Amino acid sequence: MGASPPSCSLQRFCLLLYRTGPGNSAIAGGGWQKSAATGTIKPPAVSGHLAALEERPLKVAVIADTHIPGSGRPLPAALLRHLREVALIIHLGDVTSPEVLAHLEEHAPVVGIAGNADLPEIRQHWPRRRVLTLARWRIGLVHGDAGPTPLAAARRAFADDPVDCVLFGHSHTPYRAVLGEVLFLNPGSPTLPREAPAPSFALLHLADRLEGEIVYLPPGRRG
């Protein structure tokens, strides 16, 4: 069984950690900040937020390959409704613009990695690979473009780094499998799906057990 959705008080606490500091302005209301003095764009600090999530049962949304504005499609309304119930959003790269992250941060804090198609503002601040500890589970994040297939790239990225779950993207095709006791999960794409019945994202349920599921979105109204 997956963990129950986080309480409203936890979600409010998470969002407080993303408040804009003096001398900065938030992009479209989100935590990515543009310095008034230099014009540079920086993501919000997440260390305190992630530390607060280490000991709790969690519901986490996993998104990849939004490619906005290049896709010509906004984030689906059905996706945004799901995001009201999560404590954290993980983006696996190919965002492509920080404005997308600002939109997501209106629903929950966002952490992630850069993909091969991301703009410099994202590549400068997000790594290409990282490991998060959430509810005592080690979660590996990689985009998946550095290999013959995204799955091969994901397996190679953490071959010498023990993790409980590997999250990856790049293919725009959802995938879920347990390989050698490690959960490999690709959420697909909510805006540009390939070889999939519908746009999609994933949910991680982190409690005494680690569970992941692909969530398909209706092909109806977007925005």
N, C-alpha and C. Protein backbone atom coordinates (compact mmCIF):
# COMPACT_ATOMS: atom_id res chain seq x y z
N MET A 1 0.84 -1.19 0.00
CA MET A 1 0.00 0.00 0.00
C MET A 1 0.87 1.24 0.00
N GLY A 2 0.54 2.26 -0.75
CA GLY A 2 1.30 3.50 -0.77
C GLY A 2 0.96 4.37 0.41
N ALA A 3 1.81 5.38 0.62
CA ALA A 3 1.58 6.31 1.71
C ALA A 3 0.38 7.19 1.43
N SER A 4 -0.27 7.65 2.49
CA SER A 4 -1.39 8.56 2.31
C SER A 4 -0.88 9.93 1.92
N PRO A 5 -1.70 10.78 1.28
CA PRO A 5 -1.26 12.11 0.87
C PRO A 5 -0.81 12.92 2.07
N PRO A 6 0.20 13.81 1.90
CA PRO A 6 0.69 14.62 3.00
C PRO A 6 -0.40 15.57 3.49
N SER A 7 -0.28 15.94 4.75
CA SER A 7 -1.26 16.86 5.31
C SER A 7 -1.08 18.24 4.73
N CYS A 8 -2.15 19.05 4.80
CA CYS A 8 -2.08 20.42 4.30
C CYS A 8 -1.03 21.21 5.04
N SER A 9 -0.85 20.94 6.36
CA SER A 9 0.13 21.68 7.13
C SER A 9 1.54 21.40 6.62
N LEU A 10 1.83 20.15 6.25
CA LEU A 10 3.14 19.82 5.69
C LEU A 10 3.35 20.54 4.37
N GLN A 11 2.35 20.56 3.52
CA GLN A 11 2.51 21.23 2.23
C GLN A 11 2.73 22.72 2.41
N ARG A 12 2.02 23.35 3.36
CA ARG A 12 2.25 24.77 3.60
C ARG A 12 3.67 25.01 4.10
N PHE A 13 4.17 24.10 4.98
CA PHE A 13 5.53 24.24 5.48
C PHE A 13 6.55 24.14 4.35
N CYS A 14 6.33 23.18 3.43
CA CYS A 14 7.22 23.03 2.29
C CYS A 14 7.28 24.30 1.45
N LEU A 15 6.13 24.90 1.20
CA LEU A 15 6.07 26.08 0.36
C LEU A 15 6.72 27.28 1.04
N LEU A 16 6.66 27.35 2.36
CA LEU A 16 7.29 28.46 3.07
C LEU A 16 8.79 28.47 2.85
N LEU A 17 9.39 27.31 2.68
CA LEU A 17 10.83 27.23 2.47
C LEU A 17 11.25 27.78 1.12
N TYR A 18 10.29 28.10 0.26
CA TYR A 18 10.58 28.61 -1.08
C TYR A 18 10.29 30.10 -1.22
N ARG A 19 10.12 30.82 -0.12
CA ARG A 19 9.79 32.23 -0.25
C ARG A 19 10.94 33.02 -0.84
N THR A 20 10.61 34.05 -1.61
CA THR A 20 11.60 34.87 -2.27
C THR A 20 12.32 35.76 -1.26
N GLY A 21 13.66 35.83 -1.38
CA GLY A 21 14.46 36.66 -0.48
C GLY A 21 14.54 38.09 -0.95
N PRO A 22 15.13 38.98 -0.12
CA PRO A 22 15.25 40.40 -0.48
C PRO A 22 16.10 40.59 -1.74
N GLY A 23 15.70 41.53 -2.55
CA GLY A 23 16.49 41.85 -3.74
C GLY A 23 16.26 40.93 -4.91
N ASN A 24 15.31 40.02 -4.78
CA ASN A 24 15.01 39.09 -5.86
C ASN A 24 13.54 39.19 -6.24
N SER A 25 13.23 38.80 -7.46
CA SER A 25 11.84 38.71 -7.87
C SER A 25 11.57 37.32 -8.40
N ALA A 26 10.43 36.76 -8.04
CA ALA A 26 10.11 35.40 -8.47
C ALA A 26 9.60 35.41 -9.91
N ILE A 27 10.01 34.39 -10.67
CA ILE A 27 9.56 34.25 -12.05
C ILE A 27 8.14 33.69 -12.03
N ALA A 28 7.21 34.44 -12.55
CA ALA A 28 5.81 34.00 -12.65
C ALA A 28 5.27 33.47 -11.33
N GLY A 29 5.76 34.04 -10.22
CA GLY A 29 5.23 33.66 -8.91
C GLY A 29 5.88 32.44 -8.32
N GLY A 30 6.87 31.83 -8.96
CA GLY A 30 7.50 30.63 -8.43
C GLY A 30 8.78 30.94 -7.69
N GLY A 31 9.49 29.87 -7.25
CA GLY A 31 10.68 30.05 -6.44
C GLY A 31 11.94 30.35 -7.22
N TRP A 32 11.97 30.10 -8.53
CA TRP A 32 13.13 30.49 -9.32
C TRP A 32 13.20 32.01 -9.35
N GLN A 33 14.34 32.56 -8.95
CA GLN A 33 14.43 33.99 -8.70
C GLN A 33 15.35 34.69 -9.68
N LYS A 34 14.97 35.89 -10.06
CA LYS A 34 15.80 36.74 -10.91
C LYS A 34 16.33 37.89 -10.08
N SER A 35 17.66 38.01 -9.98
CA SER A 35 18.27 39.04 -9.18
C SER A 35 18.02 40.40 -9.80
N ALA A 36 17.57 41.34 -8.97
CA ALA A 36 17.34 42.70 -9.45
C ALA A 36 18.65 43.38 -9.79
N ALA A 37 19.75 42.98 -9.14
CA ALA A 37 21.04 43.62 -9.36
C ALA A 37 21.75 43.11 -10.60
N THR A 38 21.72 41.77 -10.82
CA THR A 38 22.51 41.18 -11.88
C THR A 38 21.69 40.62 -13.03
N GLY A 39 20.40 40.38 -12.81
CA GLY A 39 19.57 39.78 -13.85
C GLY A 39 19.73 38.28 -13.98
N THR A 40 20.58 37.65 -13.15
CA THR A 40 20.78 36.22 -13.22
C THR A 40 19.62 35.48 -12.58
N ILE A 41 19.36 34.26 -13.03
CA ILE A 41 18.25 33.44 -12.54
C ILE A 41 18.81 32.31 -11.69
N LYS A 42 18.25 32.12 -10.50
CA LYS A 42 18.70 31.07 -9.60
C LYS A 42 17.50 30.30 -9.08
N PRO A 43 17.69 28.98 -8.85
CA PRO A 43 16.60 28.20 -8.27
C PRO A 43 16.50 28.44 -6.77
N PRO A 44 15.38 28.07 -6.14
CA PRO A 44 15.27 28.19 -4.69
C PRO A 44 16.16 27.18 -3.99
N ALA A 45 16.59 27.51 -2.77
CA ALA A 45 17.35 26.56 -1.97
C ALA A 45 16.41 25.45 -1.51
N VAL A 46 16.88 24.20 -1.58
CA VAL A 46 15.99 23.07 -1.25
C VAL A 46 16.53 22.21 -0.12
N SER A 47 17.73 22.50 0.40
CA SER A 47 18.34 21.60 1.38
C SER A 47 17.49 21.44 2.62
N GLY A 48 16.97 22.56 3.16
CA GLY A 48 16.13 22.45 4.35
C GLY A 48 14.86 21.70 4.09
N HIS A 49 14.27 21.92 2.93
CA HIS A 49 13.03 21.23 2.57
C HIS A 49 13.25 19.73 2.47
N LEU A 50 14.31 19.30 1.79
CA LEU A 50 14.56 17.87 1.62
C LEU A 50 14.86 17.20 2.94
N ALA A 51 15.59 17.90 3.83
CA ALA A 51 15.87 17.33 5.14
C ALA A 51 14.59 17.10 5.92
N ALA A 52 13.63 18.00 5.77
CA ALA A 52 12.35 17.85 6.48
C ALA A 52 11.55 16.67 5.97
N LEU A 53 11.84 16.19 4.77
CA LEU A 53 11.07 15.09 4.18
C LEU A 53 11.70 13.72 4.42
N GLU A 54 12.85 13.65 5.06
CA GLU A 54 13.54 12.37 5.19
C GLU A 54 12.80 11.38 6.09
N GLU A 55 12.07 11.87 7.06
CA GLU A 55 11.49 10.98 8.07
C GLU A 55 9.99 10.77 7.91
N ARG A 56 9.38 11.23 6.81
CA ARG A 56 7.92 11.21 6.70
C ARG A 56 7.44 10.26 5.60
N PRO A 57 6.30 9.60 5.77
CA PRO A 57 5.67 8.97 4.60
C PRO A 57 5.35 10.05 3.57
N LEU A 58 5.66 9.79 2.31
CA LEU A 58 5.56 10.83 1.30
C LEU A 58 4.83 10.35 0.05
N LYS A 59 4.18 11.30 -0.59
CA LYS A 59 3.65 11.11 -1.93
C LYS A 59 4.35 12.14 -2.81
N VAL A 60 5.07 11.67 -3.82
CA VAL A 60 5.93 12.52 -4.64
C VAL A 60 5.53 12.38 -6.10
N ALA A 61 5.38 13.50 -6.80
CA ALA A 61 5.10 13.48 -8.23
C ALA A 61 6.41 13.48 -9.01
N VAL A 62 6.45 12.72 -10.09
CA VAL A 62 7.64 12.62 -10.94
C VAL A 62 7.24 13.00 -12.37
N ILE A 63 7.93 14.00 -12.92
CA ILE A 63 7.60 14.54 -14.24
C ILE A 63 8.87 14.59 -15.08
N ALA A 64 8.74 14.46 -16.38
CA ALA A 64 9.90 14.58 -17.27
C ALA A 64 9.44 15.11 -18.62
N ASP A 65 10.40 15.68 -19.35
CA ASP A 65 10.24 15.99 -20.77
C ASP A 65 9.00 16.82 -21.07
N THR A 66 8.86 17.93 -20.37
CA THR A 66 7.76 18.84 -20.66
C THR A 66 8.01 19.66 -21.93
N HIS A 67 9.29 20.00 -22.19
CA HIS A 67 9.66 20.72 -23.42
C HIS A 67 8.78 21.93 -23.70
N ILE A 68 8.61 22.75 -22.67
CA ILE A 68 7.82 23.97 -22.82
C ILE A 68 8.77 25.16 -22.82
N PRO A 69 8.67 26.07 -23.80
CA PRO A 69 7.55 26.26 -24.74
C PRO A 69 7.67 25.49 -26.05
N GLY A 70 8.73 24.74 -26.26
CA GLY A 70 8.95 24.10 -27.55
C GLY A 70 7.86 23.15 -27.97
N SER A 71 7.21 22.50 -27.00
CA SER A 71 6.16 21.54 -27.34
C SER A 71 4.91 22.23 -27.87
N GLY A 72 4.77 23.52 -27.56
CA GLY A 72 3.56 24.23 -27.96
C GLY A 72 2.34 23.87 -27.15
N ARG A 73 2.54 23.12 -26.04
CA ARG A 73 1.43 22.67 -25.21
C ARG A 73 1.69 23.06 -23.76
N PRO A 74 0.71 23.58 -23.06
CA PRO A 74 0.86 23.87 -21.63
C PRO A 74 0.76 22.60 -20.80
N LEU A 75 1.05 22.72 -19.53
CA LEU A 75 0.87 21.59 -18.63
C LEU A 75 -0.61 21.22 -18.54
N PRO A 76 -0.95 19.94 -18.62
CA PRO A 76 -2.36 19.54 -18.57
C PRO A 76 -3.02 19.92 -17.25
N ALA A 77 -4.25 20.36 -17.33
CA ALA A 77 -5.00 20.72 -16.12
C ALA A 77 -5.14 19.52 -15.18
N ALA A 78 -5.29 18.32 -15.74
CA ALA A 78 -5.42 17.12 -14.90
C ALA A 78 -4.15 16.87 -14.09
N LEU A 79 -2.99 17.13 -14.69
CA LEU A 79 -1.73 17.00 -13.97
C LEU A 79 -1.70 17.96 -12.79
N LEU A 80 -2.05 19.21 -13.03
CA LEU A 80 -1.99 20.22 -11.97
C LEU A 80 -2.92 19.87 -10.82
N ARG A 81 -4.04 19.25 -11.11
CA ARG A 81 -4.94 18.83 -10.03
C ARG A 81 -4.28 17.76 -9.15
N HIS A 82 -3.57 16.83 -9.77
CA HIS A 82 -2.86 15.80 -9.01
C HIS A 82 -1.79 16.42 -8.11
N LEU A 83 -1.15 17.48 -8.57
CA LEU A 83 -0.04 18.06 -7.83
C LEU A 83 -0.47 18.71 -6.52
N ARG A 84 -1.76 18.95 -6.35
CA ARG A 84 -2.24 19.52 -5.08
C ARG A 84 -2.08 18.53 -3.93
N GLU A 85 -1.88 17.24 -4.25
CA GLU A 85 -1.86 16.21 -3.22
C GLU A 85 -0.47 15.71 -2.88
N VAL A 86 0.59 16.32 -3.44
CA VAL A 86 1.94 15.81 -3.22
C VAL A 86 2.75 16.77 -2.36
N ALA A 87 3.79 16.23 -1.71
CA ALA A 87 4.69 17.04 -0.88
C ALA A 87 5.88 17.56 -1.67
N LEU A 88 6.17 16.93 -2.81
CA LEU A 88 7.35 17.29 -3.59
C LEU A 88 7.11 16.91 -5.05
N ILE A 89 7.67 17.70 -5.96
CA ILE A 89 7.67 17.39 -7.40
C ILE A 89 9.11 17.19 -7.84
N ILE A 90 9.38 16.09 -8.51
CA ILE A 90 10.69 15.82 -9.11
C ILE A 90 10.57 15.96 -10.61
N HIS A 91 11.42 16.80 -11.20
CA HIS A 91 11.45 16.94 -12.67
C HIS A 91 12.76 16.35 -13.17
N LEU A 92 12.66 15.46 -14.16
CA LEU A 92 13.81 14.70 -14.63
C LEU A 92 14.46 15.28 -15.87
N GLY A 93 14.23 16.56 -16.14
CA GLY A 93 14.96 17.23 -17.22
C GLY A 93 14.19 17.40 -18.50
N ASP A 94 14.78 18.22 -19.40
CA ASP A 94 14.10 18.73 -20.60
C ASP A 94 12.84 19.47 -20.19
N VAL A 95 13.07 20.47 -19.35
CA VAL A 95 11.96 21.23 -18.75
C VAL A 95 11.14 22.01 -19.80
N THR A 96 11.58 22.95 -20.61
CA THR A 96 12.88 23.43 -21.03
C THR A 96 13.18 24.81 -20.44
N SER A 97 12.17 25.55 -20.01
CA SER A 97 12.30 26.91 -19.52
C SER A 97 11.98 26.99 -18.03
N PRO A 98 12.69 27.85 -17.27
CA PRO A 98 12.39 27.99 -15.84
C PRO A 98 10.95 28.38 -15.53
N GLU A 99 10.27 29.01 -16.48
CA GLU A 99 8.88 29.40 -16.24
C GLU A 99 8.00 28.18 -15.95
N VAL A 100 8.36 27.03 -16.53
CA VAL A 100 7.61 25.80 -16.26
C VAL A 100 7.74 25.43 -14.78
N LEU A 101 8.97 25.55 -14.25
CA LEU A 101 9.19 25.21 -12.85
C LEU A 101 8.48 26.18 -11.92
N ALA A 102 8.44 27.45 -12.31
CA ALA A 102 7.69 28.43 -11.51
C ALA A 102 6.21 28.05 -11.44
N HIS A 103 5.67 27.57 -12.55
CA HIS A 103 4.26 27.14 -12.58
C HIS A 103 4.06 25.93 -11.67
N LEU A 104 4.96 24.96 -11.74
CA LEU A 104 4.84 23.77 -10.89
C LEU A 104 4.95 24.13 -9.41
N GLU A 105 5.82 25.10 -9.09
CA GLU A 105 6.04 25.47 -7.70
C GLU A 105 4.83 26.15 -7.06
N GLU A 106 3.86 26.53 -7.86
CA GLU A 106 2.62 27.04 -7.29
C GLU A 106 1.84 25.93 -6.57
N HIS A 107 2.20 24.67 -6.84
CA HIS A 107 1.50 23.53 -6.27
C HIS A 107 2.32 22.80 -5.21
N ALA A 108 3.63 22.67 -5.42
CA ALA A 108 4.51 22.01 -4.46
C ALA A 108 5.95 22.37 -4.82
N PRO A 109 6.87 22.27 -3.86
CA PRO A 109 8.28 22.52 -4.17
C PRO A 109 8.81 21.56 -5.23
N VAL A 110 9.79 22.03 -5.99
CA VAL A 110 10.31 21.27 -7.12
C VAL A 110 11.82 21.08 -6.96
N VAL A 111 12.28 19.88 -7.24
CA VAL A 111 13.71 19.58 -7.29
C VAL A 111 13.93 18.73 -8.54
N GLY A 112 15.14 18.75 -9.10
CA GLY A 112 15.33 17.97 -10.31
C GLY A 112 16.73 17.97 -10.84
N ILE A 113 16.85 17.54 -12.09
CA ILE A 113 18.11 17.48 -12.81
C ILE A 113 17.90 18.10 -14.19
N ALA A 114 19.00 18.43 -14.83
CA ALA A 114 18.93 19.02 -16.16
C ALA A 114 18.95 17.93 -17.23
N GLY A 115 18.25 18.19 -18.32
CA GLY A 115 18.27 17.30 -19.48
C GLY A 115 19.09 17.90 -20.60
N ASN A 116 19.24 17.16 -21.67
CA ASN A 116 20.08 17.61 -22.78
C ASN A 116 19.48 18.79 -23.53
N ALA A 117 18.18 19.04 -23.41
CA ALA A 117 17.54 20.12 -24.14
C ALA A 117 17.25 21.35 -23.29
N ASP A 118 17.71 21.35 -22.02
CA ASP A 118 17.38 22.45 -21.13
C ASP A 118 18.19 23.71 -21.42
N LEU A 119 17.59 24.85 -21.11
CA LEU A 119 18.24 26.14 -21.29
C LEU A 119 19.37 26.32 -20.28
N PRO A 120 20.32 27.23 -20.57
CA PRO A 120 21.45 27.44 -19.65
C PRO A 120 21.03 27.78 -18.23
N GLU A 121 19.92 28.50 -18.06
CA GLU A 121 19.47 28.87 -16.72
C GLU A 121 19.23 27.64 -15.85
N ILE A 122 18.81 26.55 -16.46
CA ILE A 122 18.59 25.32 -15.71
C ILE A 122 19.87 24.51 -15.61
N ARG A 123 20.62 24.39 -16.70
CA ARG A 123 21.84 23.59 -16.68
C ARG A 123 22.88 24.14 -15.71
N GLN A 124 22.89 25.45 -15.50
CA GLN A 124 23.86 26.05 -14.60
C GLN A 124 23.59 25.72 -13.13
N HIS A 125 22.38 25.37 -12.80
CA HIS A 125 22.02 25.21 -11.40
C HIS A 125 21.57 23.80 -11.03
N TRP A 126 21.15 23.02 -11.99
CA TRP A 126 20.74 21.65 -11.70
C TRP A 126 21.77 20.69 -12.27
N PRO A 127 22.16 19.66 -11.51
CA PRO A 127 23.13 18.68 -12.01
C PRO A 127 22.50 17.75 -13.04
N ARG A 128 23.34 16.96 -13.68
CA ARG A 128 22.84 15.98 -14.65
C ARG A 128 22.49 14.65 -13.97
N ARG A 129 22.94 14.49 -12.75
CA ARG A 129 22.70 13.26 -11.99
C ARG A 129 22.72 13.63 -10.52
N ARG A 130 21.85 13.02 -9.74
CA ARG A 130 21.87 13.27 -8.30
C ARG A 130 21.15 12.15 -7.57
N VAL A 131 21.40 12.08 -6.26
CA VAL A 131 20.72 11.12 -5.39
C VAL A 131 20.02 11.89 -4.28
N LEU A 132 18.75 11.61 -4.08
CA LEU A 132 17.97 12.19 -3.00
C LEU A 132 17.66 11.11 -1.96
N THR A 133 17.64 11.50 -0.70
CA THR A 133 17.15 10.62 0.36
C THR A 133 15.80 11.16 0.82
N LEU A 134 14.76 10.38 0.55
CA LEU A 134 13.39 10.78 0.88
C LEU A 134 12.74 9.66 1.68
N ALA A 135 12.26 10.00 2.87
CA ALA A 135 11.64 9.00 3.75
C ALA A 135 12.55 7.79 3.92
N ARG A 136 13.86 8.06 3.98
CA ARG A 136 14.92 7.06 4.20
C ARG A 136 15.20 6.18 2.99
N TRP A 137 14.58 6.45 1.87
CA TRP A 137 14.86 5.73 0.63
C TRP A 137 15.85 6.54 -0.21
N ARG A 138 16.80 5.86 -0.85
CA ARG A 138 17.74 6.53 -1.75
C ARG A 138 17.20 6.48 -3.18
N ILE A 139 16.98 7.66 -3.74
CA ILE A 139 16.35 7.80 -5.05
C ILE A 139 17.36 8.42 -6.00
N GLY A 140 17.71 7.69 -7.06
CA GLY A 140 18.63 8.22 -8.06
C GLY A 140 17.88 8.90 -9.20
N LEU A 141 18.41 10.05 -9.64
CA LEU A 141 17.79 10.83 -10.72
C LEU A 141 18.81 11.00 -11.84
N VAL A 142 18.41 10.70 -13.07
CA VAL A 142 19.23 10.93 -14.24
C VAL A 142 18.31 11.11 -15.44
N HIS A 143 18.72 11.94 -16.40
CA HIS A 143 17.81 12.18 -17.52
C HIS A 143 17.70 10.96 -18.43
N GLY A 144 18.85 10.36 -18.77
CA GLY A 144 18.80 9.14 -19.56
C GLY A 144 19.28 9.27 -20.99
N ASP A 145 19.93 10.39 -21.34
CA ASP A 145 20.37 10.58 -22.72
C ASP A 145 21.78 10.08 -22.97
N ALA A 146 22.53 9.71 -21.91
CA ALA A 146 23.94 9.34 -22.07
C ALA A 146 24.10 7.82 -22.19
N GLY A 147 23.49 7.24 -23.21
CA GLY A 147 23.59 5.80 -23.39
C GLY A 147 22.85 5.36 -24.64
N PRO A 148 22.98 4.09 -25.02
CA PRO A 148 22.30 3.60 -26.22
C PRO A 148 20.78 3.65 -26.10
N THR A 149 20.27 3.48 -24.87
CA THR A 149 18.84 3.65 -24.58
C THR A 149 18.73 4.37 -23.24
N PRO A 150 17.60 5.02 -22.97
CA PRO A 150 17.44 5.67 -21.66
C PRO A 150 17.58 4.69 -20.50
N LEU A 151 17.02 3.49 -20.62
CA LEU A 151 17.14 2.52 -19.53
C LEU A 151 18.59 2.12 -19.31
N ALA A 152 19.34 1.87 -20.40
CA ALA A 152 20.75 1.52 -20.26
C ALA A 152 21.53 2.65 -19.59
N ALA A 153 21.22 3.88 -19.96
CA ALA A 153 21.88 5.03 -19.34
C ALA A 153 21.55 5.11 -17.86
N ALA A 154 20.31 4.84 -17.51
CA ALA A 154 19.89 4.90 -16.11
C ALA A 154 20.58 3.82 -15.28
N ARG A 155 20.68 2.62 -15.82
CA ARG A 155 21.33 1.53 -15.09
C ARG A 155 22.81 1.81 -14.92
N ARG A 156 23.45 2.33 -15.95
CA ARG A 156 24.88 2.62 -15.88
C ARG A 156 25.17 3.76 -14.91
N ALA A 157 24.28 4.74 -14.83
CA ALA A 157 24.52 5.92 -13.99
C ALA A 157 24.64 5.56 -12.51
N PHE A 158 23.98 4.47 -12.10
CA PHE A 158 23.98 4.11 -10.69
C PHE A 158 24.51 2.69 -10.46
N ALA A 159 25.30 2.21 -11.39
CA ALA A 159 25.83 0.85 -11.28
C ALA A 159 26.72 0.69 -10.05
N ASP A 160 27.43 1.74 -9.67
CA ASP A 160 28.34 1.67 -8.53
C ASP A 160 27.87 2.52 -7.35
N ASP A 161 26.61 2.88 -7.34
CA ASP A 161 26.06 3.73 -6.29
C ASP A 161 24.73 3.13 -5.86
N PRO A 162 24.71 2.35 -4.78
CA PRO A 162 23.48 1.65 -4.39
C PRO A 162 22.32 2.61 -4.12
N VAL A 163 21.23 2.38 -4.82
CA VAL A 163 20.00 3.16 -4.62
C VAL A 163 18.83 2.18 -4.59
N ASP A 164 17.70 2.66 -4.09
CA ASP A 164 16.49 1.85 -4.04
C ASP A 164 15.61 2.04 -5.27
N CYS A 165 15.77 3.18 -5.93
CA CYS A 165 14.93 3.52 -7.08
C CYS A 165 15.72 4.42 -8.01
N VAL A 166 15.55 4.24 -9.31
CA VAL A 166 16.16 5.12 -10.31
C VAL A 166 15.03 5.73 -11.14
N LEU A 167 15.01 7.05 -11.17
CA LEU A 167 14.04 7.79 -11.97
C LEU A 167 14.75 8.36 -13.18
N PHE A 168 14.17 8.18 -14.38
CA PHE A 168 14.82 8.66 -15.60
C PHE A 168 13.76 9.05 -16.62
N GLY A 169 14.19 9.77 -17.65
CA GLY A 169 13.27 10.23 -18.68
C GLY A 169 13.86 10.05 -20.06
N HIS A 170 13.80 11.12 -20.87
CA HIS A 170 14.39 11.25 -22.19
C HIS A 170 13.59 10.56 -23.30
N SER A 171 13.01 9.40 -23.03
CA SER A 171 12.31 8.66 -24.10
C SER A 171 10.90 9.18 -24.35
N HIS A 172 10.32 9.89 -23.39
CA HIS A 172 8.91 10.33 -23.45
C HIS A 172 7.96 9.13 -23.39
N THR A 173 8.47 7.96 -23.02
CA THR A 173 7.69 6.73 -22.98
C THR A 173 7.68 6.17 -21.56
N PRO A 174 6.53 5.99 -20.94
CA PRO A 174 6.52 5.49 -19.56
C PRO A 174 7.07 4.07 -19.46
N TYR A 175 7.72 3.81 -18.33
CA TYR A 175 8.35 2.51 -18.09
C TYR A 175 8.40 2.27 -16.59
N ARG A 176 8.08 1.06 -16.18
CA ARG A 176 8.20 0.67 -14.79
C ARG A 176 8.63 -0.78 -14.71
N ALA A 177 9.72 -1.05 -13.97
CA ALA A 177 10.19 -2.42 -13.79
C ALA A 177 11.10 -2.47 -12.57
N VAL A 178 11.09 -3.63 -11.91
CA VAL A 178 12.02 -3.88 -10.82
C VAL A 178 13.13 -4.77 -11.37
N LEU A 179 14.36 -4.25 -11.35
CA LEU A 179 15.52 -4.95 -11.90
C LEU A 179 16.56 -5.09 -10.79
N GLY A 180 16.81 -6.33 -10.37
CA GLY A 180 17.79 -6.53 -9.30
C GLY A 180 17.41 -5.82 -8.01
N GLU A 181 16.14 -5.82 -7.65
CA GLU A 181 15.60 -5.21 -6.44
C GLU A 181 15.59 -3.69 -6.47
N VAL A 182 15.88 -3.09 -7.62
CA VAL A 182 15.83 -1.63 -7.77
C VAL A 182 14.65 -1.29 -8.69
N LEU A 183 13.82 -0.34 -8.26
CA LEU A 183 12.71 0.11 -9.08
C LEU A 183 13.22 1.13 -10.10
N PHE A 184 12.99 0.86 -11.38
CA PHE A 184 13.32 1.79 -12.46
C PHE A 184 12.00 2.35 -12.98
N LEU A 185 11.92 3.70 -12.98
CA LEU A 185 10.65 4.34 -13.30
C LEU A 185 10.88 5.52 -14.23
N ASN A 186 10.22 5.47 -15.38
CA ASN A 186 10.22 6.59 -16.33
C ASN A 186 8.77 7.09 -16.41
N PRO A 187 8.53 8.37 -16.08
CA PRO A 187 7.13 8.84 -16.03
C PRO A 187 6.51 9.13 -17.38
N GLY A 188 7.30 9.02 -18.48
CA GLY A 188 6.79 9.46 -19.77
C GLY A 188 6.78 10.98 -19.83
N SER A 189 5.89 11.54 -20.63
CA SER A 189 5.80 12.99 -20.76
C SER A 189 4.34 13.43 -20.66
N PRO A 190 4.08 14.51 -19.90
CA PRO A 190 2.70 15.01 -19.83
C PRO A 190 2.30 15.88 -21.01
N THR A 191 3.28 16.22 -21.88
CA THR A 191 3.00 17.13 -23.00
C THR A 191 3.37 16.56 -24.37
N LEU A 192 4.38 15.68 -24.43
CA LEU A 192 4.83 15.12 -25.71
C LEU A 192 5.04 13.61 -25.58
N PRO A 193 3.99 12.84 -25.34
CA PRO A 193 4.16 11.39 -25.18
C PRO A 193 4.55 10.71 -26.49
N ARG A 194 5.34 9.65 -26.36
CA ARG A 194 5.73 8.82 -27.50
C ARG A 194 5.46 7.35 -27.15
N GLU A 195 4.90 6.63 -28.07
CA GLU A 195 4.64 5.20 -27.87
C GLU A 195 3.91 4.97 -26.54
N ALA A 196 2.95 5.83 -26.27
CA ALA A 196 2.17 5.74 -25.03
C ALA A 196 0.71 6.03 -25.37
N PRO A 197 -0.21 5.44 -24.61
CA PRO A 197 -1.64 5.66 -24.92
C PRO A 197 -2.13 7.05 -24.59
N ALA A 198 -1.38 7.79 -23.74
CA ALA A 198 -1.83 9.12 -23.32
C ALA A 198 -0.66 9.84 -22.66
N PRO A 199 -0.76 11.15 -22.48
CA PRO A 199 0.23 11.86 -21.66
C PRO A 199 0.30 11.24 -20.27
N SER A 200 1.44 11.36 -19.61
CA SER A 200 1.59 10.68 -18.33
C SER A 200 2.60 11.36 -17.42
N PHE A 201 2.52 11.00 -16.14
CA PHE A 201 3.53 11.30 -15.15
C PHE A 201 3.54 10.13 -14.18
N ALA A 202 4.30 10.21 -13.11
CA ALA A 202 4.37 9.10 -12.16
C ALA A 202 4.20 9.61 -10.74
N LEU A 203 3.79 8.71 -9.87
CA LEU A 203 3.72 8.98 -8.44
C LEU A 203 4.59 7.98 -7.70
N LEU A 204 5.36 8.48 -6.75
CA LEU A 204 6.09 7.64 -5.81
C LEU A 204 5.38 7.68 -4.47
N HIS A 205 5.16 6.52 -3.89
CA HIS A 205 4.59 6.40 -2.55
C HIS A 205 5.71 5.85 -1.65
N LEU A 206 6.19 6.68 -0.73
CA LEU A 206 7.34 6.34 0.09
C LEU A 206 6.91 6.22 1.55
N ALA A 207 6.87 5.01 2.03
CA ALA A 207 6.53 4.75 3.43
C ALA A 207 7.38 3.56 3.87
N ASP A 208 6.78 2.54 4.51
CA ASP A 208 7.53 1.34 4.85
C ASP A 208 7.93 0.59 3.59
N ARG A 209 7.14 0.76 2.54
CA ARG A 209 7.47 0.22 1.22
C ARG A 209 7.63 1.35 0.24
N LEU A 210 8.41 1.10 -0.81
CA LEU A 210 8.58 2.06 -1.90
C LEU A 210 7.78 1.55 -3.08
N GLU A 211 6.83 2.34 -3.54
CA GLU A 211 6.00 1.95 -4.67
C GLU A 211 5.92 3.09 -5.68
N GLY A 212 5.88 2.72 -6.95
CA GLY A 212 5.75 3.71 -8.00
C GLY A 212 4.66 3.32 -8.98
N GLU A 213 3.96 4.31 -9.49
CA GLU A 213 2.90 4.03 -10.45
C GLU A 213 2.92 5.07 -11.57
N ILE A 214 2.58 4.62 -12.77
CA ILE A 214 2.39 5.51 -13.91
C ILE A 214 0.95 6.00 -13.89
N VAL A 215 0.76 7.31 -14.05
CA VAL A 215 -0.58 7.90 -14.08
C VAL A 215 -0.81 8.49 -15.47
N TYR A 216 -1.80 7.96 -16.17
CA TYR A 216 -2.13 8.46 -17.51
C TYR A 216 -3.17 9.57 -17.38
N LEU A 217 -2.98 10.61 -18.16
CA LEU A 217 -3.83 11.79 -18.10
C LEU A 217 -4.84 11.78 -19.23
N PRO A 218 -6.03 12.27 -18.99
CA PRO A 218 -7.02 12.32 -20.07
C PRO A 218 -6.56 13.26 -21.17
N PRO A 219 -6.88 12.95 -22.41
CA PRO A 219 -6.44 13.77 -23.54
C PRO A 219 -7.32 14.98 -23.79
N GLY A 220 -8.07 15.40 -22.77
CA GLY A 220 -9.00 16.50 -22.94
C GLY A 220 -8.35 17.86 -22.77
N ARG A 221 -9.07 18.73 -22.11
CA ARG A 221 -8.67 20.13 -22.00
C ARG A 221 -7.31 20.27 -21.32
N ARG A 222 -6.47 21.14 -21.87
CA ARG A 222 -5.16 21.44 -21.30
C ARG A 222 -5.15 22.86 -20.78
N GLY A 223 -4.23 23.12 -19.84
CA GLY A 223 -4.05 24.47 -19.34
C GLY A 223 -4.09 24.52 -17.84
